[in-house]
Each structure stands twice: as structure tokens, then as C-alpha cells.
Amino acid sequence: MWRTLDADGCTWEVRVVASEATDEPDTEILEFRTAAPRPPRRLSVQRGALNSMTEDGLQTAYRKSRPIGGDFYGRPGKRMPDAI
């Protein structure tokens, strides 16, 4: 079961994206997804960090994450090829 987070008026599911490789071997990509019409958000974190994150840690990670499929300000743009 995925962890969930309530932020910005909707519930986000939090997971580690296994298909995304990073340049650093000790990091992994967290992805935040919601059923609301908002683009997924991603953030690079230390490997295994999700397992030890508290609710406050998840909120902080969410605030640092950036939407995919647009620029860093959330303006629409070309969607990433792995986005559904």
C-alpha cells in the first residue's frame, strides 16, 4: 500500500519510482500522484528515506518537489514520456 499525504486540498499517493535512474547511486526518485487534475510531482531523495519519513518529513518533501510535465512554476508544457 502506498503512503498518502493530504496537501493542497487533495490526497497524494507517495511512491518510489523504480524506473527512474539517477546520476548518484545513493538517491532515488519520490513521486507524488493524485486523482485530481494535477500533474505528478517528483523529488530526488536519499535511498530508503521514504521508509523513515514522518508526516512532517513527507510534507517537507512535497513542498520541495516539482511538477513534471511543465516548468518549475507549474505552467503547462510537454509531458514527460513516462507520465500517464
PDB file of N, CA and C in Angstrom:
ATOM      1  N   MET A   1       0.842  -1.183   0.000  1.00  0.00           N
ATOM      2  CA  MET A   1       0.000   0.000   0.000  1.00  0.00           C
ATOM      3  C   MET A   1       0.888   1.248   0.000  1.00  0.00           C
ATOM      4  N   TRP A   2       0.549   2.192  -0.828  1.00  0.00           N
ATOM      5  CA  TRP A   2       1.332   3.428  -0.908  1.00  0.00           C
ATOM      6  C   TRP A   2       1.008   4.323   0.277  1.00  0.00           C
ATOM      7  N   ARG A   3       1.989   5.114   0.657  1.00  0.00           N
ATOM      8  CA  ARG A   3       1.743   6.116   1.692  1.00  0.00           C
ATOM      9  C   ARG A   3       0.955   7.250   1.064  1.00  0.00           C
ATOM     10  N   THR A   4       0.170   7.941   1.884  1.00  0.00           N
ATOM     11  CA  THR A   4      -0.626   9.058   1.379  1.00  0.00           C
ATOM     12  C   THR A   4      -0.318  10.314   2.179  1.00  0.00           C
ATOM     13  N   LEU A   5      -0.639  11.433   1.556  1.00  0.00           N
ATOM     14  CA  LEU A   5      -0.368  12.739   2.139  1.00  0.00           C
ATOM     15  C   LEU A   5      -1.490  13.675   1.718  1.00  0.00           C
ATOM     16  N   ASP A   6      -2.033  14.427   2.664  1.00  0.00           N
ATOM     17  CA  ASP A   6      -3.041  15.434   2.337  1.00  0.00           C
ATOM     18  C   ASP A   6      -2.354  16.785   2.232  1.00  0.00           C
ATOM     19  N   ALA A   7      -2.402  17.372   1.033  1.00  0.00           N
ATOM     20  CA  ALA A   7      -1.774  18.676   0.794  1.00  0.00           C
ATOM     21  C   ALA A   7      -2.486  19.371  -0.357  1.00  0.00           C
ATOM     22  N   ASP A   8      -2.575  20.673  -0.289  1.00  0.00           N
ATOM     23  CA  ASP A   8      -3.181  21.495  -1.337  1.00  0.00           C
ATOM     24  C   ASP A   8      -4.596  21.063  -1.696  1.00  0.00           C
ATOM     25  N   GLY A   9      -5.345  20.607  -0.700  1.00  0.00           N
ATOM     26  CA  GLY A   9      -6.742  20.276  -0.919  1.00  0.00           C
ATOM     27  C   GLY A   9      -7.031  18.927  -1.546  1.00  0.00           C
ATOM     28  N   CYS A  10      -6.046  18.047  -1.650  1.00  0.00           N
ATOM     29  CA  CYS A  10      -6.299  16.711  -2.188  1.00  0.00           C
ATOM     30  C   CYS A  10      -5.343  15.707  -1.548  1.00  0.00           C
ATOM     31  N   THR A  11      -5.619  14.439  -1.770  1.00  0.00           N
ATOM     32  CA  THR A  11      -4.794  13.363  -1.225  1.00  0.00           C
ATOM     33  C   THR A  11      -3.807  12.901  -2.285  1.00  0.00           C
ATOM     34  N   TRP A  12      -2.541  12.875  -1.927  1.00  0.00           N
ATOM     35  CA  TRP A  12      -1.465  12.459  -2.830  1.00  0.00           C
ATOM     36  C   TRP A  12      -0.953  11.089  -2.395  1.00  0.00           C
ATOM     37  N   GLU A  13      -0.719  10.210  -3.360  1.00  0.00           N
ATOM     38  CA  GLU A  13      -0.051   8.934  -3.098  1.00  0.00           C
ATOM     39  C   GLU A  13       1.439   9.139  -3.307  1.00  0.00           C
ATOM     40  N   VAL A  14       2.243   8.588  -2.410  1.00  0.00           N
ATOM     41  CA  VAL A  14       3.692   8.770  -2.464  1.00  0.00           C
ATOM     42  C   VAL A  14       4.328   7.417  -2.743  1.00  0.00           C
ATOM     43  N   ARG A  15       5.229   7.365  -3.725  1.00  0.00           N
ATOM     44  CA  ARG A  15       5.925   6.117  -4.041  1.00  0.00           C
ATOM     45  C   ARG A  15       7.327   6.416  -4.551  1.00  0.00           C
ATOM     46  N   VAL A  16       8.144   5.389  -4.571  1.00  0.00           N
ATOM     47  CA  VAL A  16       9.473   5.475  -5.171  1.00  0.00           C
ATOM     48  C   VAL A  16       9.341   5.014  -6.610  1.00  0.00           C
ATOM     49  N   VAL A  17       9.868   5.801  -7.540  1.00  0.00           N
ATOM     50  CA  VAL A  17       9.801   5.452  -8.960  1.00  0.00           C
ATOM     51  C   VAL A  17      11.006   4.577  -9.284  1.00  0.00           C
ATOM     52  N   ALA A  18      10.739   3.298  -9.491  1.00  0.00           N
ATOM     53  CA  ALA A  18      11.825   2.349  -9.721  1.00  0.00           C
ATOM     54  C   ALA A  18      12.442   2.486 -11.106  1.00  0.00           C
ATOM     55  N   SER A  19      11.676   2.967 -12.078  1.00  0.00           N
ATOM     56  CA  SER A  19      12.187   3.018 -13.446  1.00  0.00           C
ATOM     57  C   SER A  19      13.077   4.230 -13.713  1.00  0.00           C
ATOM     58  N   GLU A  20      13.143   5.169 -12.781  1.00  0.00           N
ATOM     59  CA  GLU A  20      13.949   6.371 -12.971  1.00  0.00           C
ATOM     60  C   GLU A  20      15.333   6.184 -12.362  1.00  0.00           C
ATOM     61  N   ALA A  21      16.328   6.255 -13.173  1.00  0.00           N
ATOM     62  CA  ALA A  21      17.707   6.167 -12.687  1.00  0.00           C
ATOM     63  C   ALA A  21      18.219   7.579 -12.403  1.00  0.00           C
ATOM     64  N   THR A  22      19.033   7.686 -11.362  1.00  0.00           N
ATOM     65  CA  THR A  22      19.646   8.974 -11.055  1.00  0.00           C
ATOM     66  C   THR A  22      21.146   8.868 -11.280  1.00  0.00           C
ATOM     67  N   ASP A  23      21.811   9.999 -11.356  1.00  0.00           N
ATOM     68  CA  ASP A  23      23.260  10.008 -11.553  1.00  0.00           C
ATOM     69  C   ASP A  23      24.008   9.544 -10.319  1.00  0.00           C
ATOM     70  N   GLU A  24      23.377   9.648  -9.179  1.00  0.00           N
ATOM     71  CA  GLU A  24      24.017   9.267  -7.928  1.00  0.00           C
ATOM     72  C   GLU A  24      23.428   7.954  -7.432  1.00  0.00           C
ATOM     73  N   PRO A  25      24.266   6.970  -7.090  1.00  0.00           N
ATOM     74  CA  PRO A  25      23.758   5.651  -6.701  1.00  0.00           C
ATOM     75  C   PRO A  25      23.032   5.631  -5.356  1.00  0.00           C
ATOM     76  N   ASP A  26      23.233   6.624  -4.516  1.00  0.00           N
ATOM     77  CA  ASP A  26      22.602   6.639  -3.199  1.00  0.00           C
ATOM     78  C   ASP A  26      21.306   7.433  -3.164  1.00  0.00           C
ATOM     79  N   THR A  27      20.744   7.745  -4.315  1.00  0.00           N
ATOM     80  CA  THR A  27      19.494   8.503  -4.357  1.00  0.00           C
ATOM     81  C   THR A  27      18.424   7.739  -5.123  1.00  0.00           C
ATOM     82  N   GLU A  28      17.183   8.120  -4.881  1.00  0.00           N
ATOM     83  CA  GLU A  28      16.054   7.572  -5.611  1.00  0.00           C
ATOM     84  C   GLU A  28      15.027   8.686  -5.802  1.00  0.00           C
ATOM     85  N   ILE A  29      14.064   8.456  -6.670  1.00  0.00           N
ATOM     86  CA  ILE A  29      13.075   9.473  -7.017  1.00  0.00           C
ATOM     87  C   ILE A  29      11.760   9.172  -6.306  1.00  0.00           C
ATOM     88  N   LEU A  30      11.256  10.146  -5.544  1.00  0.00           N
ATOM     89  CA  LEU A  30       9.924  10.052  -4.947  1.00  0.00           C
ATOM     90  C   LEU A  30       8.938  10.696  -5.916  1.00  0.00           C
ATOM     91  N   GLU A  31       7.778  10.085  -6.054  1.00  0.00           N
ATOM     92  CA  GLU A  31       6.746  10.653  -6.906  1.00  0.00           C
ATOM     93  C   GLU A  31       5.465  10.819  -6.096  1.00  0.00           C
ATOM     94  N   PHE A  32       4.833  11.966  -6.265  1.00  0.00           N
ATOM     95  CA  PHE A  32       3.563  12.278  -5.625  1.00  0.00           C
ATOM     96  C   PHE A  32       2.506  12.322  -6.722  1.00  0.00           C
ATOM     97  N   ARG A  33       1.440  11.500  -6.594  1.00  0.00           N
ATOM     98  CA  ARG A  33       0.366  11.462  -7.594  1.00  0.00           C
ATOM     99  C   ARG A  33      -0.971  11.645  -6.897  1.00  0.00           C
ATOM    100  N   THR A  34      -1.907  12.254  -7.595  1.00  0.00           N
ATOM    101  CA  THR A  34      -3.254  12.447  -7.071  1.00  0.00           C
ATOM    102  C   THR A  34      -4.276  12.180  -8.161  1.00  0.00           C
ATOM    103  N   ALA A  35      -5.512  11.883  -7.740  1.00  0.00           N
ATOM    104  CA  ALA A  35      -6.593  11.671  -8.700  1.00  0.00           C
ATOM    105  C   ALA A  35      -7.116  12.998  -9.235  1.00  0.00           C
ATOM    106  N   ALA A  36      -6.813  14.089  -8.552  1.00  0.00           N
ATOM    107  CA  ALA A  36      -7.229  15.420  -9.009  1.00  0.00           C
ATOM    108  C   ALA A  36      -6.475  15.758 -10.299  1.00  0.00           C
ATOM    109  N   PRO A  37      -7.003  16.676 -11.083  1.00  0.00           N
ATOM    110  CA  PRO A  37      -6.335  17.034 -12.353  1.00  0.00           C
ATOM    111  C   PRO A  37      -5.094  17.905 -12.130  1.00  0.00           C
ATOM    112  N   ARG A  38      -4.101  17.316 -11.510  1.00  0.00           N
ATOM    113  CA  ARG A  38      -2.828  18.000 -11.269  1.00  0.00           C
ATOM    114  C   ARG A  38      -1.694  17.089 -11.728  1.00  0.00           C
ATOM    115  N   PRO A  39      -0.627  17.661 -12.248  1.00  0.00           N
ATOM    116  CA  PRO A  39       0.473  16.812 -12.710  1.00  0.00           C
ATOM    117  C   PRO A  39       1.213  16.168 -11.528  1.00  0.00           C
ATOM    118  N   PRO A  40       1.771  14.988 -11.739  1.00  0.00           N
ATOM    119  CA  PRO A  40       2.581  14.369 -10.692  1.00  0.00           C
ATOM    120  C   PRO A  40       3.770  15.261 -10.348  1.00  0.00           C
ATOM    121  N   ARG A  41       4.275  15.081  -9.140  1.00  0.00           N
ATOM    122  CA  ARG A  41       5.434  15.853  -8.676  1.00  0.00           C
ATOM    123  C   ARG A  41       6.528  14.865  -8.306  1.00  0.00           C
ATOM    124  N   ARG A  42       7.789  15.259  -8.508  1.00  0.00           N
ATOM    125  CA  ARG A  42       8.917  14.380  -8.202  1.00  0.00           C
ATOM    126  C   ARG A  42      10.007  15.107  -7.434  1.00  0.00           C
ATOM    127  N   LEU A  43      10.769  14.318  -6.665  1.00  0.00           N
ATOM    128  CA  LEU A  43      11.869  14.842  -5.874  1.00  0.00           C
ATOM    129  C   LEU A  43      12.911  13.745  -5.697  1.00  0.00           C
ATOM    130  N   SER A  44      14.171  14.099  -5.792  1.00  0.00           N
ATOM    131  CA  SER A  44      15.265  13.166  -5.547  1.00  0.00           C
ATOM    132  C   SER A  44      15.607  13.192  -4.055  1.00  0.00           C
ATOM    133  N   VAL A  45      15.670  12.003  -3.436  1.00  0.00           N
ATOM    134  CA  VAL A  45      15.983  11.886  -2.006  1.00  0.00           C
ATOM    135  C   VAL A  45      17.021  10.787  -1.805  1.00  0.00           C
ATOM    136  N   GLN A  46      17.556  10.693  -0.594  1.00  0.00           N
ATOM    137  CA  GLN A  46      18.487   9.614  -0.258  1.00  0.00           C
ATOM    138  C   GLN A  46      17.755   8.273  -0.330  1.00  0.00           C
ATOM    139  N   ARG A  47      18.428   7.250  -0.801  1.00  0.00           N
ATOM    140  CA  ARG A  47      17.833   5.920  -0.924  1.00  0.00           C
ATOM    141  C   ARG A  47      17.318   5.440   0.439  1.00  0.00           C
ATOM    142  N   GLY A  48      16.072   4.982   0.466  1.00  0.00           N
ATOM    143  CA  GLY A  48      15.458   4.469   1.688  1.00  0.00           C
ATOM    144  C   GLY A  48      14.839   5.533   2.581  1.00  0.00           C
ATOM    145  N   ALA A  49      14.872   6.789   2.173  1.00  0.00           N
ATOM    146  CA  ALA A  49      14.365   7.876   3.010  1.00  0.00           C
ATOM    147  C   ALA A  49      12.854   7.791   3.224  1.00  0.00           C
ATOM    148  N   LEU A  50      12.112   7.302   2.251  1.00  0.00           N
ATOM    149  CA  LEU A  50      10.656   7.235   2.373  1.00  0.00           C
ATOM    150  C   LEU A  50      10.239   6.361   3.551  1.00  0.00           C
ATOM    151  N   ASN A  51      10.944   5.274   3.785  1.00  0.00           N
ATOM    152  CA  ASN A  51      10.584   4.355   4.863  1.00  0.00           C
ATOM    153  C   ASN A  51      10.688   4.997   6.239  1.00  0.00           C
ATOM    154  N   SER A  52      11.580   5.968   6.385  1.00  0.00           N
ATOM    155  CA  SER A  52      11.781   6.581   7.697  1.00  0.00           C
ATOM    156  C   SER A  52      11.155   7.970   7.831  1.00  0.00           C
ATOM    157  N   MET A  53      10.463   8.445   6.794  1.00  0.00           N
ATOM    158  CA  MET A  53       9.866   9.787   6.845  1.00  0.00           C
ATOM    159  C   MET A  53       8.635   9.828   7.738  1.00  0.00           C
ATOM    160  N   THR A  54       8.566  10.874   8.552  1.00  0.00           N
ATOM    161  CA  THR A  54       7.373  11.153   9.342  1.00  0.00           C
ATOM    162  C   THR A  54       6.401  11.944   8.476  1.00  0.00           C
ATOM    163  N   GLU A  55       5.228  12.257   9.018  1.00  0.00           N
ATOM    164  CA  GLU A  55       4.263  13.079   8.276  1.00  0.00           C
ATOM    165  C   GLU A  55       4.853  14.455   7.963  1.00  0.00           C
ATOM    166  N   ASP A  56       5.578  15.022   8.914  1.00  0.00           N
ATOM    167  CA  ASP A  56       6.220  16.318   8.672  1.00  0.00           C
ATOM    168  C   ASP A  56       7.278  16.209   7.584  1.00  0.00           C
ATOM    169  N   GLY A  57       8.008  15.101   7.575  1.00  0.00           N
ATOM    170  CA  GLY A  57       9.014  14.872   6.544  1.00  0.00           C
ATOM    171  C   GLY A  57       8.382  14.746   5.163  1.00  0.00           C
ATOM    172  N   LEU A  58       7.225  14.067   5.089  1.00  0.00           N
ATOM    173  CA  LEU A  58       6.509  13.948   3.815  1.00  0.00           C
ATOM    174  C   LEU A  58       6.019  15.312   3.343  1.00  0.00           C
ATOM    175  N   GLN A  59       5.504  16.126   4.272  1.00  0.00           N
ATOM    176  CA  GLN A  59       5.051  17.474   3.904  1.00  0.00           C
ATOM    177  C   GLN A  59       6.210  18.297   3.356  1.00  0.00           C
ATOM    178  N   THR A  60       7.364  18.207   4.003  1.00  0.00           N
ATOM    179  CA  THR A  60       8.545  18.944   3.545  1.00  0.00           C
ATOM    180  C   THR A  60       8.979  18.469   2.165  1.00  0.00           C
ATOM    181  N   ALA A  61       8.998  17.151   1.957  1.00  0.00           N
ATOM    182  CA  ALA A  61       9.379  16.600   0.660  1.00  0.00           C
ATOM    183  C   ALA A  61       8.397  17.045  -0.422  1.00  0.00           C
ATOM    184  N   TYR A  62       7.112  17.065  -0.097  1.00  0.00           N
ATOM    185  CA  TYR A  62       6.109  17.504  -1.061  1.00  0.00           C
ATOM    186  C   TYR A  62       6.347  18.958  -1.458  1.00  0.00           C
ATOM    187  N   ARG A  63       6.605  19.798  -0.501  1.00  0.00           N
ATOM    188  CA  ARG A  63       6.831  21.223  -0.780  1.00  0.00           C
ATOM    189  C   ARG A  63       8.083  21.454  -1.633  1.00  0.00           C
ATOM    190  N   LYS A  64       9.073  20.597  -1.499  1.00  0.00           N
ATOM    191  CA  LYS A  64      10.304  20.727  -2.287  1.00  0.00           C
ATOM    192  C   LYS A  64      10.156  20.131  -3.686  1.00  0.00           C
ATOM    193  N   SER A  65       9.192  19.230  -3.871  1.00  0.00           N
ATOM    194  CA  SER A  65       9.043  18.553  -5.165  1.00  0.00           C
ATOM    195  C   SER A  65       8.539  19.521  -6.217  1.00  0.00           C
ATOM    196  N   ARG A  66       8.782  19.159  -7.470  1.00  0.00           N
ATOM    197  CA  ARG A  66       8.391  19.990  -8.609  1.00  0.00           C
ATOM    198  C   ARG A  66       7.465  19.195  -9.523  1.00  0.00           C
ATOM    199  N   PRO A  67       6.479  19.867 -10.134  1.00  0.00           N
ATOM    200  CA  PRO A  67       5.590  19.160 -11.062  1.00  0.00           C
ATOM    201  C   PRO A  67       6.348  18.698 -12.301  1.00  0.00           C
ATOM    202  N   ILE A  68       6.007  17.513 -12.786  1.00  0.00           N
ATOM    203  CA  ILE A  68       6.586  17.056 -14.042  1.00  0.00           C
ATOM    204  C   ILE A  68       5.622  17.437 -15.158  1.00  0.00           C
ATOM    205  N   GLY A  69       6.121  17.595 -16.341  1.00  0.00           N
ATOM    206  CA  GLY A  69       5.274  17.925 -17.464  1.00  0.00           C
ATOM    207  C   GLY A  69       5.115  19.408 -17.694  1.00  0.00           C
ATOM    208  N   GLY A  70       5.771  20.213 -16.917  1.00  0.00           N
ATOM    209  CA  GLY A  70       5.731  21.656 -17.085  1.00  0.00           C
ATOM    210  C   GLY A  70       7.047  22.216 -16.597  1.00  0.00           C
ATOM    211  N   ASP A  71       7.120  23.500 -16.433  1.00  0.00           N
ATOM    212  CA  ASP A  71       8.345  24.055 -15.886  1.00  0.00           C
ATOM    213  C   ASP A  71       8.246  24.088 -14.361  1.00  0.00           C
ATOM    214  N   PHE A  72       9.245  24.634 -13.701  1.00  0.00           N
ATOM    215  CA  PHE A  72       9.287  24.615 -12.248  1.00  0.00           C
ATOM    216  C   PHE A  72       8.197  25.459 -11.599  1.00  0.00           C
ATOM    217  N   TYR A  73       7.494  26.270 -12.379  1.00  0.00           N
ATOM    218  CA  TYR A  73       6.440  27.104 -11.830  1.00  0.00           C
ATOM    219  C   TYR A  73       5.066  26.501 -12.045  1.00  0.00           C
ATOM    220  N   GLY A  74       4.995  25.273 -12.586  1.00  0.00           N
ATOM    221  CA  GLY A  74       3.731  24.588 -12.772  1.00  0.00           C
ATOM    222  C   GLY A  74       2.978  24.981 -14.024  1.00  0.00           C
ATOM    223  N   ARG A  75       3.608  25.778 -14.890  1.00  0.00           N
ATOM    224  CA  ARG A  75       2.937  26.129 -16.138  1.00  0.00           C
ATOM    225  C   ARG A  75       2.930  24.905 -17.041  1.00  0.00           C
ATOM    226  N   PRO A  76       1.851  24.706 -17.805  1.00  0.00           N
ATOM    227  CA  PRO A  76       1.785  23.519 -18.641  1.00  0.00           C
ATOM    228  C   PRO A  76       2.868  23.491 -19.705  1.00  0.00           C
ATOM    229  N   GLY A  77       3.239  22.306 -20.063  1.00  0.00           N
ATOM    230  CA  GLY A  77       4.261  22.124 -21.087  1.00  0.00           C
ATOM    231  C   GLY A  77       4.221  20.701 -21.586  1.00  0.00           C
ATOM    232  N   LYS A  78       5.269  20.276 -22.208  1.00  0.00           N
ATOM    233  CA  LYS A  78       5.340  18.924 -22.743  1.00  0.00           C
ATOM    234  C   LYS A  78       5.405  17.925 -21.589  1.00  0.00           C
ATOM    235  N   ARG A  79       4.543  16.911 -21.627  1.00  0.00           N
ATOM    236  CA  ARG A  79       4.528  15.891 -20.592  1.00  0.00           C
ATOM    237  C   ARG A  79       5.731  14.970 -20.758  1.00  0.00           C
ATOM    238  N   MET A  80       6.242  14.465 -19.675  1.00  0.00           N
ATOM    239  CA  MET A  80       7.336  13.511 -19.725  1.00  0.00           C
ATOM    240  C   MET A  80       6.816  12.201 -20.315  1.00  0.00           C
ATOM    241  N   PRO A  81       7.650  11.442 -21.023  1.00  0.00           N
ATOM    242  CA  PRO A  81       7.162  10.233 -21.706  1.00  0.00           C
ATOM    243  C   PRO A  81       6.641   9.166 -20.754  1.00  0.00           C
ATOM    244  N   ASP A  82       7.061   9.127 -19.496  1.00  0.00           N
ATOM    245  CA  ASP A  82       6.586   8.099 -18.588  1.00  0.00           C
ATOM    246  C   ASP A  82       5.329   8.524 -17.832  1.00  0.00           C
ATOM    247  N   ALA A  83       4.837   9.738 -18.060  1.00  0.00           N
ATOM    248  CA  ALA A  83       3.611  10.196 -17.395  1.00  0.00           C
ATOM    249  C   ALA A  83       2.400   9.619 -18.096  1.00  0.00           C
ATOM    250  N   ILE A  84       1.437   9.243 -17.317  1.00  0.00           N
ATOM    251  CA  ILE A  84       0.208   8.636 -17.869  1.00  0.00           C
ATOM    252  C   ILE A  84      -0.788   9.710 -18.208  1.00  0.00           C
TER     253      ILE A  84
END
